[in-house]
């Protein structure tokens, strides 16, 4: 069952085992954070200012992943892959869940507004004790230039812990229900 986010303006399907972290500690208004205590998998949905002038889809993905790596003190990033779909896009995508995302399936239109969706994945290495640990990252970026916003949906965790299933379900179910969240004009 999809979980309503940001007062129901966005929805996404998440495992029942993922706890809303805002029940445990303060979370900024532009973020929704969910954590599975047993697997340490995390889903973060974040609304940010539209990323203008970053160049190619790969540049946009790299910008957000590099920012994520720096904020989380990752020591390296590897195995980077990026896919893009925009209005009228029809090229086949290697990342199957990306093709299932409603914003992409509907030709790049979200509630009558132009959008571009990007999906990227990588592995980040984080220091841990005497060594380092690899963490798989999946990032869905839904760009909504008409309302000046990007929605970032990141999934972090171990590959062996069902991360791909969480990613696939998230991409299948992600939906922007009301653009009023982004602008008083909509």
N, C-alpha and C. Protein backbone atom coordinates (compact mmCIF):
# COMPACT_ATOMS: atom_id res chain seq x y z
N UNK A 1 0.84 -1.18 0.00
CA UNK A 1 0.00 0.00 0.00
C UNK A 1 0.89 1.25 0.00
N UNK A 2 0.63 2.18 -0.93
CA UNK A 2 1.45 3.40 -0.98
C UNK A 2 1.31 4.23 0.29
N UNK A 3 2.43 4.80 0.72
CA UNK A 3 2.42 5.69 1.88
C UNK A 3 2.31 7.12 1.40
N UNK A 4 1.43 7.88 2.02
CA UNK A 4 1.34 9.29 1.67
C UNK A 4 2.52 10.06 2.27
N UNK A 5 3.11 10.92 1.46
CA UNK A 5 4.22 11.76 1.91
C UNK A 5 3.85 13.22 1.73
N UNK A 6 4.44 14.08 2.51
CA UNK A 6 4.21 15.52 2.40
C UNK A 6 2.71 15.82 2.37
N UNK A 7 2.00 15.26 3.35
CA UNK A 7 0.57 15.51 3.46
C UNK A 7 -0.25 14.87 2.36
N UNK A 8 0.27 13.84 1.72
CA UNK A 8 -0.46 13.14 0.67
C UNK A 8 -0.23 13.67 -0.73
N UNK A 9 0.63 14.67 -0.89
CA UNK A 9 0.87 15.23 -2.22
C UNK A 9 1.77 14.34 -3.06
N UNK A 10 2.53 13.47 -2.42
CA UNK A 10 3.36 12.47 -3.09
C UNK A 10 3.07 11.14 -2.40
N UNK A 11 3.11 10.05 -3.15
CA UNK A 11 2.96 8.75 -2.52
C UNK A 11 3.98 7.79 -3.09
N UNK A 12 4.33 6.80 -2.28
CA UNK A 12 5.30 5.78 -2.69
C UNK A 12 5.09 4.54 -1.84
N UNK A 13 5.34 3.39 -2.43
CA UNK A 13 5.22 2.14 -1.69
C UNK A 13 6.55 1.80 -1.04
N UNK A 14 6.48 1.54 0.27
CA UNK A 14 7.67 1.18 1.06
C UNK A 14 7.35 -0.06 1.87
N UNK A 15 8.36 -0.85 2.21
CA UNK A 15 8.12 -2.01 3.07
C UNK A 15 7.52 -1.60 4.42
N UNK A 16 6.65 -2.43 4.95
CA UNK A 16 6.04 -2.15 6.25
C UNK A 16 7.07 -2.04 7.35
N UNK A 17 8.24 -2.68 7.16
CA UNK A 17 9.29 -2.66 8.18
C UNK A 17 10.01 -1.32 8.27
N UNK A 18 9.76 -0.43 7.32
CA UNK A 18 10.44 0.88 7.35
C UNK A 18 9.66 1.85 8.23
N UNK A 19 10.38 2.35 9.24
CA UNK A 19 9.80 3.27 10.21
C UNK A 19 10.00 4.71 9.76
N UNK A 20 8.99 5.53 9.97
CA UNK A 20 9.07 6.96 9.68
C UNK A 20 9.97 7.58 10.74
N UNK A 21 11.13 8.06 10.32
CA UNK A 21 12.11 8.60 11.25
C UNK A 21 11.65 9.90 11.91
N UNK A 22 10.66 10.57 11.35
CA UNK A 22 10.16 11.79 11.98
C UNK A 22 9.44 11.48 13.29
N UNK A 23 9.10 10.19 13.50
CA UNK A 23 8.52 9.79 14.78
C UNK A 23 9.59 9.71 15.87
N UNK A 24 10.87 9.68 15.46
CA UNK A 24 11.98 9.49 16.40
C UNK A 24 12.82 10.74 16.62
N UNK A 25 12.95 11.54 15.59
CA UNK A 25 13.75 12.76 15.71
C UNK A 25 13.29 13.78 14.67
N UNK A 26 13.66 15.06 14.85
CA UNK A 26 13.22 16.10 13.90
C UNK A 26 13.79 15.86 12.50
N UNK A 27 12.94 15.97 11.51
CA UNK A 27 13.32 15.82 10.10
C UNK A 27 12.91 17.12 9.42
N UNK A 28 13.79 17.70 8.59
CA UNK A 28 13.43 18.95 7.90
C UNK A 28 12.14 18.81 7.08
N UNK A 29 11.42 19.90 6.92
CA UNK A 29 10.14 19.89 6.22
C UNK A 29 10.25 19.42 4.77
N UNK A 30 11.42 19.57 4.16
CA UNK A 30 11.57 19.19 2.75
C UNK A 30 12.02 17.73 2.58
N UNK A 31 12.04 16.96 3.69
CA UNK A 31 12.47 15.56 3.64
C UNK A 31 11.47 14.64 4.33
N UNK A 32 11.43 13.41 3.84
CA UNK A 32 10.75 12.29 4.51
C UNK A 32 11.80 11.19 4.57
N UNK A 33 12.02 10.60 5.75
CA UNK A 33 13.06 9.61 5.93
C UNK A 33 12.46 8.35 6.56
N UNK A 34 12.80 7.20 5.97
CA UNK A 34 12.32 5.91 6.47
C UNK A 34 13.50 4.97 6.63
N UNK A 35 13.49 4.19 7.72
CA UNK A 35 14.61 3.30 8.03
C UNK A 35 14.08 1.95 8.47
N UNK A 36 14.71 0.90 7.96
CA UNK A 36 14.46 -0.46 8.43
C UNK A 36 15.57 -0.78 9.42
N UNK A 37 15.24 -0.88 10.68
CA UNK A 37 16.24 -1.11 11.74
C UNK A 37 17.01 -2.40 11.53
N UNK A 38 16.34 -3.46 11.07
CA UNK A 38 16.99 -4.77 10.94
C UNK A 38 18.04 -4.78 9.83
N UNK A 39 17.73 -4.18 8.68
CA UNK A 39 18.64 -4.23 7.53
C UNK A 39 19.45 -2.96 7.36
N UNK A 40 19.08 -1.90 8.08
CA UNK A 40 19.70 -0.59 7.95
C UNK A 40 19.49 0.02 6.56
N UNK A 41 18.49 -0.46 5.84
CA UNK A 41 18.13 0.16 4.56
C UNK A 41 17.38 1.44 4.86
N UNK A 42 17.60 2.42 4.01
CA UNK A 42 17.03 3.74 4.24
C UNK A 42 16.47 4.30 2.94
N UNK A 43 15.32 4.95 3.04
CA UNK A 43 14.72 5.65 1.90
C UNK A 43 14.53 7.10 2.32
N UNK A 44 15.04 8.01 1.50
CA UNK A 44 14.88 9.44 1.76
C UNK A 44 14.22 10.07 0.54
N UNK A 45 13.14 10.79 0.78
CA UNK A 45 12.46 11.55 -0.27
C UNK A 45 12.70 13.02 0.09
N UNK A 46 13.24 13.76 -0.86
CA UNK A 46 13.64 15.14 -0.59
C UNK A 46 13.21 16.04 -1.73
N UNK A 47 12.69 17.19 -1.40
CA UNK A 47 12.32 18.18 -2.40
C UNK A 47 13.36 19.29 -2.35
N UNK A 48 13.97 19.56 -3.50
CA UNK A 48 15.01 20.59 -3.58
C UNK A 48 14.70 21.53 -4.74
N UNK A 49 15.39 22.66 -4.74
CA UNK A 49 15.26 23.61 -5.84
C UNK A 49 15.69 22.94 -7.14
N UNK A 50 14.98 23.25 -8.22
CA UNK A 50 15.29 22.65 -9.53
C UNK A 50 16.75 22.89 -9.90
N UNK A 51 17.38 21.85 -10.37
CA UNK A 51 18.80 21.87 -10.70
C UNK A 51 18.97 22.37 -12.13
N UNK A 52 19.15 23.66 -12.29
CA UNK A 52 19.31 24.26 -13.61
C UNK A 52 20.76 24.25 -14.04
N UNK A 53 21.00 24.11 -15.32
CA UNK A 53 22.32 24.32 -15.88
C UNK A 53 23.38 23.32 -15.48
N UNK A 54 23.01 22.12 -15.12
CA UNK A 54 24.01 21.12 -14.74
C UNK A 54 24.47 20.29 -15.93
N UNK A 55 23.89 20.51 -17.12
CA UNK A 55 24.36 19.81 -18.32
C UNK A 55 23.57 18.56 -18.60
N UNK A 56 24.28 17.49 -18.91
CA UNK A 56 23.68 16.23 -19.33
C UNK A 56 22.99 15.54 -18.15
N UNK A 57 22.13 14.56 -18.45
CA UNK A 57 21.55 13.77 -17.35
C UNK A 57 22.62 13.16 -16.44
N UNK A 58 23.71 12.70 -17.04
CA UNK A 58 24.79 12.13 -16.23
C UNK A 58 25.38 13.18 -15.29
N UNK A 59 25.50 14.42 -15.78
CA UNK A 59 26.02 15.50 -14.94
C UNK A 59 25.09 15.77 -13.75
N UNK A 60 23.79 15.75 -14.01
CA UNK A 60 22.81 15.98 -12.94
C UNK A 60 22.90 14.86 -11.91
N UNK A 61 22.92 13.61 -12.40
CA UNK A 61 23.04 12.48 -11.48
C UNK A 61 24.32 12.56 -10.66
N UNK A 62 25.42 12.84 -11.33
CA UNK A 62 26.71 12.94 -10.63
C UNK A 62 26.68 14.06 -9.59
N UNK A 63 26.07 15.19 -9.93
CA UNK A 63 25.98 16.32 -9.00
C UNK A 63 25.29 15.88 -7.70
N UNK A 64 24.14 15.25 -7.84
CA UNK A 64 23.40 14.83 -6.64
C UNK A 64 24.12 13.70 -5.89
N UNK A 65 24.69 12.74 -6.62
CA UNK A 65 25.41 11.65 -5.95
C UNK A 65 26.67 12.16 -5.27
N UNK A 66 27.39 13.07 -5.91
CA UNK A 66 28.58 13.65 -5.28
C UNK A 66 28.22 14.41 -4.02
N UNK A 67 27.10 15.16 -4.08
CA UNK A 67 26.63 15.89 -2.91
C UNK A 67 26.29 14.91 -1.78
N UNK A 68 25.59 13.83 -2.13
CA UNK A 68 25.24 12.81 -1.15
C UNK A 68 26.50 12.18 -0.54
N UNK A 69 27.48 11.89 -1.38
CA UNK A 69 28.72 11.28 -0.90
C UNK A 69 29.45 12.21 0.06
N UNK A 70 29.54 13.48 -0.30
CA UNK A 70 30.23 14.45 0.55
C UNK A 70 29.52 14.63 1.88
N UNK A 71 28.20 14.78 1.85
CA UNK A 71 27.44 14.97 3.09
C UNK A 71 27.53 13.77 4.03
N UNK A 72 27.67 12.57 3.44
CA UNK A 72 27.73 11.35 4.23
C UNK A 72 29.15 10.83 4.44
N UNK A 73 30.14 11.64 4.03
CA UNK A 73 31.55 11.34 4.24
C UNK A 73 31.98 10.02 3.61
N UNK A 74 31.49 9.74 2.39
CA UNK A 74 31.93 8.56 1.66
C UNK A 74 33.37 8.77 1.20
N UNK A 75 34.14 7.70 1.17
CA UNK A 75 35.53 7.80 0.75
C UNK A 75 35.70 7.57 -0.75
N UNK A 76 34.72 6.93 -1.40
CA UNK A 76 34.78 6.73 -2.85
C UNK A 76 33.41 6.38 -3.39
N UNK A 77 33.27 6.54 -4.71
CA UNK A 77 32.05 6.18 -5.43
C UNK A 77 32.46 5.38 -6.65
N UNK A 78 31.76 4.28 -6.92
CA UNK A 78 32.11 3.44 -8.07
C UNK A 78 30.84 2.84 -8.68
N UNK A 79 31.00 2.21 -9.82
CA UNK A 79 29.91 1.52 -10.52
C UNK A 79 28.74 2.45 -10.84
N UNK A 80 29.04 3.65 -11.33
CA UNK A 80 28.02 4.65 -11.64
C UNK A 80 27.28 4.31 -12.94
N UNK A 81 25.95 4.35 -12.91
CA UNK A 81 25.10 4.16 -14.09
C UNK A 81 23.98 5.20 -14.02
N UNK A 82 23.64 5.81 -15.15
CA UNK A 82 22.57 6.81 -15.19
C UNK A 82 21.68 6.54 -16.40
N UNK A 83 20.38 6.69 -16.22
CA UNK A 83 19.40 6.58 -17.31
C UNK A 83 18.46 7.77 -17.21
N UNK A 84 17.92 8.19 -18.35
CA UNK A 84 17.07 9.38 -18.38
C UNK A 84 15.88 9.15 -19.27
N UNK A 85 14.75 9.79 -18.92
CA UNK A 85 13.58 9.81 -19.79
C UNK A 85 12.95 11.20 -19.63
N UNK A 86 12.65 11.84 -20.72
CA UNK A 86 12.01 13.15 -20.65
C UNK A 86 10.78 13.15 -21.54
N UNK A 87 10.11 14.27 -21.58
CA UNK A 87 8.88 14.37 -22.36
C UNK A 87 9.12 13.87 -23.78
N UNK A 88 8.29 12.94 -24.22
CA UNK A 88 8.40 12.40 -25.56
C UNK A 88 9.49 11.37 -25.70
N UNK A 89 10.21 11.06 -24.63
CA UNK A 89 11.30 10.10 -24.71
C UNK A 89 10.78 8.70 -24.99
N UNK A 90 11.47 7.97 -25.86
CA UNK A 90 11.02 6.63 -26.18
C UNK A 90 12.16 5.63 -26.25
N UNK A 91 13.37 6.03 -25.88
CA UNK A 91 14.49 5.10 -25.98
C UNK A 91 14.39 4.04 -24.88
N UNK A 92 14.78 2.80 -25.21
CA UNK A 92 14.75 1.76 -24.18
C UNK A 92 15.77 2.06 -23.09
N UNK A 93 15.43 1.69 -21.86
CA UNK A 93 16.29 1.97 -20.73
C UNK A 93 16.83 0.68 -20.15
N UNK A 94 18.08 0.68 -19.73
CA UNK A 94 18.67 -0.50 -19.14
C UNK A 94 18.14 -0.77 -17.73
N UNK A 95 17.78 0.27 -16.99
CA UNK A 95 17.27 0.09 -15.64
C UNK A 95 15.77 -0.14 -15.71
N UNK A 96 15.33 -1.39 -15.69
CA UNK A 96 13.92 -1.71 -15.87
C UNK A 96 12.99 -0.93 -14.95
N UNK A 97 13.31 -0.77 -13.63
CA UNK A 97 12.38 -0.03 -12.78
C UNK A 97 12.13 1.39 -13.25
N UNK A 98 13.12 1.99 -13.91
CA UNK A 98 12.94 3.35 -14.39
C UNK A 98 11.81 3.42 -15.40
N UNK A 99 11.71 2.44 -16.28
CA UNK A 99 10.67 2.43 -17.29
C UNK A 99 9.29 2.26 -16.66
N UNK A 100 9.23 1.77 -15.44
CA UNK A 100 7.96 1.53 -14.77
C UNK A 100 7.46 2.73 -13.99
N UNK A 101 8.32 3.73 -13.78
CA UNK A 101 7.94 4.89 -13.00
C UNK A 101 6.83 5.65 -13.70
N UNK A 102 5.70 5.93 -13.04
CA UNK A 102 4.58 6.60 -13.70
C UNK A 102 4.97 7.88 -14.43
N UNK A 103 5.86 8.68 -13.85
CA UNK A 103 6.26 9.93 -14.50
C UNK A 103 6.93 9.66 -15.84
N UNK A 104 7.55 8.50 -15.98
CA UNK A 104 8.22 8.14 -17.22
C UNK A 104 7.26 7.44 -18.17
N UNK A 105 6.48 6.57 -17.64
CA UNK A 105 5.54 5.79 -18.44
C UNK A 105 4.57 6.71 -19.16
N UNK A 106 4.24 7.83 -18.55
CA UNK A 106 3.27 8.76 -19.12
C UNK A 106 3.92 9.83 -19.98
N UNK A 107 5.08 9.56 -20.52
CA UNK A 107 5.72 10.45 -21.48
C UNK A 107 6.31 11.71 -20.90
N UNK A 108 6.67 11.71 -19.64
CA UNK A 108 7.33 12.87 -19.06
C UNK A 108 6.39 13.97 -18.62
N UNK A 109 5.13 13.65 -18.42
CA UNK A 109 4.17 14.65 -17.96
C UNK A 109 3.68 14.25 -16.58
N UNK A 110 3.77 15.14 -15.62
CA UNK A 110 3.25 14.92 -14.28
C UNK A 110 2.17 15.97 -14.06
N UNK A 111 0.93 15.53 -13.92
CA UNK A 111 -0.20 16.45 -13.70
C UNK A 111 -0.19 17.60 -14.70
N UNK A 112 0.05 17.28 -15.98
CA UNK A 112 0.01 18.30 -17.02
C UNK A 112 1.25 19.16 -17.12
N UNK A 113 2.27 18.88 -16.31
CA UNK A 113 3.50 19.67 -16.32
C UNK A 113 4.64 18.84 -16.91
N UNK A 114 5.55 19.52 -17.60
CA UNK A 114 6.71 18.85 -18.16
C UNK A 114 7.61 18.35 -17.04
N UNK A 115 8.15 17.15 -17.24
CA UNK A 115 9.09 16.63 -16.25
C UNK A 115 10.18 15.86 -16.97
N UNK A 116 11.27 15.64 -16.27
CA UNK A 116 12.34 14.77 -16.74
C UNK A 116 12.71 13.91 -15.55
N UNK A 117 12.79 12.61 -15.78
CA UNK A 117 13.15 11.71 -14.69
C UNK A 117 14.45 11.02 -15.00
N UNK A 118 15.28 10.92 -14.00
CA UNK A 118 16.58 10.28 -14.11
C UNK A 118 16.67 9.22 -13.04
N UNK A 119 17.34 8.14 -13.34
CA UNK A 119 17.62 7.14 -12.32
C UNK A 119 19.10 6.84 -12.39
N UNK A 120 19.73 6.73 -11.25
CA UNK A 120 21.14 6.39 -11.25
C UNK A 120 21.42 5.47 -10.08
N UNK A 121 22.52 4.77 -10.21
CA UNK A 121 22.92 3.87 -9.15
C UNK A 121 24.44 3.90 -9.04
N UNK A 122 24.92 3.60 -7.87
CA UNK A 122 26.35 3.51 -7.65
C UNK A 122 26.58 2.77 -6.34
N UNK A 123 27.83 2.56 -6.03
CA UNK A 123 28.23 2.00 -4.74
C UNK A 123 29.14 3.03 -4.10
N UNK A 124 28.85 3.39 -2.86
CA UNK A 124 29.70 4.31 -2.11
C UNK A 124 30.41 3.54 -1.01
N UNK A 125 31.66 3.91 -0.78
CA UNK A 125 32.44 3.27 0.27
C UNK A 125 32.51 4.23 1.46
N UNK A 126 32.21 3.70 2.63
CA UNK A 126 32.23 4.49 3.85
C UNK A 126 33.22 3.89 4.84
N UNK A 127 33.94 4.74 5.57
CA UNK A 127 34.86 4.22 6.58
C UNK A 127 34.07 3.52 7.69
N UNK A 128 34.60 2.39 8.16
CA UNK A 128 33.94 1.66 9.25
C UNK A 128 35.02 0.93 10.04
N UNK A 129 35.27 1.39 11.25
CA UNK A 129 36.28 0.76 12.08
C UNK A 129 37.64 0.76 11.40
N UNK A 130 38.23 -0.43 11.28
CA UNK A 130 39.55 -0.56 10.67
C UNK A 130 39.50 -0.63 9.15
N UNK A 131 38.33 -0.82 8.58
CA UNK A 131 38.21 -0.98 7.14
C UNK A 131 37.19 -0.04 6.54
N UNK A 132 36.53 -0.53 5.51
CA UNK A 132 35.50 0.26 4.84
C UNK A 132 34.36 -0.67 4.48
N UNK A 133 33.20 -0.11 4.29
CA UNK A 133 32.04 -0.89 3.90
C UNK A 133 31.40 -0.26 2.67
N UNK A 134 30.95 -1.10 1.75
CA UNK A 134 30.28 -0.63 0.54
C UNK A 134 28.78 -0.54 0.79
N UNK A 135 28.18 0.54 0.31
CA UNK A 135 26.74 0.73 0.42
C UNK A 135 26.19 1.02 -0.96
N UNK A 136 25.21 0.25 -1.37
CA UNK A 136 24.57 0.47 -2.66
C UNK A 136 23.63 1.66 -2.55
N UNK A 137 23.63 2.50 -3.58
CA UNK A 137 22.79 3.69 -3.64
C UNK A 137 21.97 3.63 -4.91
N UNK A 138 20.68 3.88 -4.80
CA UNK A 138 19.81 4.06 -5.96
C UNK A 138 19.20 5.45 -5.79
N UNK A 139 19.14 6.21 -6.86
CA UNK A 139 18.60 7.57 -6.78
C UNK A 139 17.67 7.82 -7.95
N UNK A 140 16.43 8.15 -7.64
CA UNK A 140 15.45 8.58 -8.64
C UNK A 140 15.34 10.09 -8.52
N UNK A 141 15.49 10.78 -9.64
CA UNK A 141 15.39 12.24 -9.67
C UNK A 141 14.25 12.59 -10.60
N UNK A 142 13.22 13.20 -10.08
CA UNK A 142 12.11 13.68 -10.91
C UNK A 142 12.22 15.19 -10.94
N UNK A 143 12.59 15.71 -12.11
CA UNK A 143 12.76 17.16 -12.28
C UNK A 143 11.44 17.77 -12.76
N UNK A 144 11.01 18.80 -12.09
CA UNK A 144 9.77 19.51 -12.41
C UNK A 144 10.11 20.98 -12.66
N UNK A 145 10.69 21.30 -13.82
CA UNK A 145 11.15 22.67 -14.06
C UNK A 145 10.03 23.70 -14.05
N UNK A 146 8.82 23.29 -14.43
CA UNK A 146 7.70 24.24 -14.46
C UNK A 146 7.35 24.78 -13.07
N UNK A 147 7.67 24.01 -12.03
CA UNK A 147 7.39 24.47 -10.67
C UNK A 147 8.68 24.71 -9.87
N UNK A 148 9.84 24.63 -10.56
CA UNK A 148 11.12 24.97 -9.94
C UNK A 148 11.59 23.99 -8.89
N UNK A 149 11.24 22.70 -9.04
CA UNK A 149 11.62 21.73 -8.02
C UNK A 149 12.14 20.44 -8.64
N UNK A 150 12.98 19.76 -7.88
CA UNK A 150 13.39 18.40 -8.16
C UNK A 150 13.00 17.57 -6.96
N UNK A 151 12.50 16.36 -7.20
CA UNK A 151 12.22 15.42 -6.12
C UNK A 151 13.28 14.33 -6.20
N UNK A 152 14.01 14.15 -5.12
CA UNK A 152 15.06 13.14 -5.04
C UNK A 152 14.57 12.01 -4.15
N UNK A 153 14.64 10.79 -4.65
CA UNK A 153 14.26 9.63 -3.86
C UNK A 153 15.47 8.69 -3.83
N UNK A 154 16.11 8.59 -2.69
CA UNK A 154 17.29 7.74 -2.58
C UNK A 154 16.99 6.51 -1.73
N UNK A 155 17.60 5.41 -2.15
CA UNK A 155 17.50 4.14 -1.42
C UNK A 155 18.93 3.70 -1.15
N UNK A 156 19.21 3.39 0.11
CA UNK A 156 20.58 3.01 0.51
C UNK A 156 20.52 1.71 1.28
N UNK A 157 21.49 0.85 1.03
CA UNK A 157 21.55 -0.39 1.79
C UNK A 157 22.43 -1.42 1.13
N UNK A 158 22.44 -2.61 1.69
CA UNK A 158 23.23 -3.70 1.14
C UNK A 158 22.50 -4.39 0.00
N UNK A 159 23.24 -4.76 -1.03
CA UNK A 159 22.67 -5.44 -2.19
C UNK A 159 21.95 -6.73 -1.80
N UNK A 160 22.51 -7.46 -0.83
CA UNK A 160 21.97 -8.77 -0.47
C UNK A 160 20.70 -8.69 0.35
N UNK A 161 20.32 -7.51 0.77
CA UNK A 161 19.18 -7.35 1.66
C UNK A 161 17.89 -6.94 0.95
N UNK A 162 17.75 -7.27 -0.33
CA UNK A 162 16.52 -6.96 -1.04
C UNK A 162 16.41 -5.54 -1.54
N UNK A 163 17.54 -4.85 -1.67
CA UNK A 163 17.52 -3.46 -2.09
C UNK A 163 16.86 -3.30 -3.47
N UNK A 164 17.15 -4.21 -4.39
CA UNK A 164 16.58 -4.09 -5.73
C UNK A 164 15.06 -4.21 -5.72
N UNK A 165 14.50 -5.04 -4.84
CA UNK A 165 13.05 -5.18 -4.74
C UNK A 165 12.43 -3.89 -4.19
N UNK A 166 13.07 -3.31 -3.18
CA UNK A 166 12.58 -2.03 -2.65
C UNK A 166 12.61 -0.98 -3.75
N UNK A 167 13.72 -0.92 -4.50
CA UNK A 167 13.88 0.04 -5.59
C UNK A 167 12.80 -0.14 -6.65
N UNK A 168 12.59 -1.38 -7.06
CA UNK A 168 11.59 -1.65 -8.09
C UNK A 168 10.19 -1.24 -7.63
N UNK A 169 9.82 -1.61 -6.41
CA UNK A 169 8.50 -1.23 -5.90
C UNK A 169 8.36 0.28 -5.75
N UNK A 170 9.43 0.93 -5.32
CA UNK A 170 9.41 2.38 -5.19
C UNK A 170 9.18 3.04 -6.55
N UNK A 171 9.92 2.59 -7.57
CA UNK A 171 9.78 3.17 -8.90
C UNK A 171 8.41 2.91 -9.50
N UNK A 172 7.86 1.74 -9.25
CA UNK A 172 6.53 1.41 -9.78
C UNK A 172 5.44 2.26 -9.14
N UNK A 173 5.64 2.61 -7.87
CA UNK A 173 4.55 3.26 -7.13
C UNK A 173 4.70 4.76 -6.96
N UNK A 174 5.89 5.33 -7.21
CA UNK A 174 6.11 6.76 -6.98
C UNK A 174 5.11 7.58 -7.78
N UNK A 175 4.46 8.53 -7.13
CA UNK A 175 3.51 9.39 -7.82
C UNK A 175 3.44 10.76 -7.16
N UNK A 176 3.43 11.80 -7.98
CA UNK A 176 3.16 13.15 -7.51
C UNK A 176 1.65 13.33 -7.68
N UNK A 177 0.95 13.50 -6.57
CA UNK A 177 -0.52 13.57 -6.58
C UNK A 177 -1.04 15.00 -6.68
N UNK A 178 -0.24 15.96 -6.20
CA UNK A 178 -0.72 17.34 -6.15
C UNK A 178 0.48 18.28 -6.26
N UNK A 179 0.54 19.03 -7.34
CA UNK A 179 1.65 19.97 -7.52
C UNK A 179 1.52 21.21 -6.63
N UNK A 180 0.43 21.34 -5.93
CA UNK A 180 0.26 22.45 -5.00
C UNK A 180 1.34 22.49 -3.93
N UNK A 181 1.96 21.35 -3.69
CA UNK A 181 3.07 21.29 -2.74
C UNK A 181 4.21 22.20 -3.17
N UNK A 182 4.42 22.35 -4.47
CA UNK A 182 5.58 23.05 -5.00
C UNK A 182 5.34 24.53 -5.23
N UNK A 183 4.09 24.93 -5.45
CA UNK A 183 3.84 26.32 -5.80
C UNK A 183 2.42 26.69 -5.46
N UNK A 184 2.23 27.90 -5.00
CA UNK A 184 0.88 28.40 -4.71
C UNK A 184 0.10 28.64 -5.99
N UNK A 185 0.79 28.64 -7.15
CA UNK A 185 0.13 28.94 -8.43
C UNK A 185 -0.57 27.74 -9.02
N UNK A 186 -0.29 26.50 -8.55
CA UNK A 186 -0.86 25.32 -9.18
C UNK A 186 -2.19 24.96 -8.60
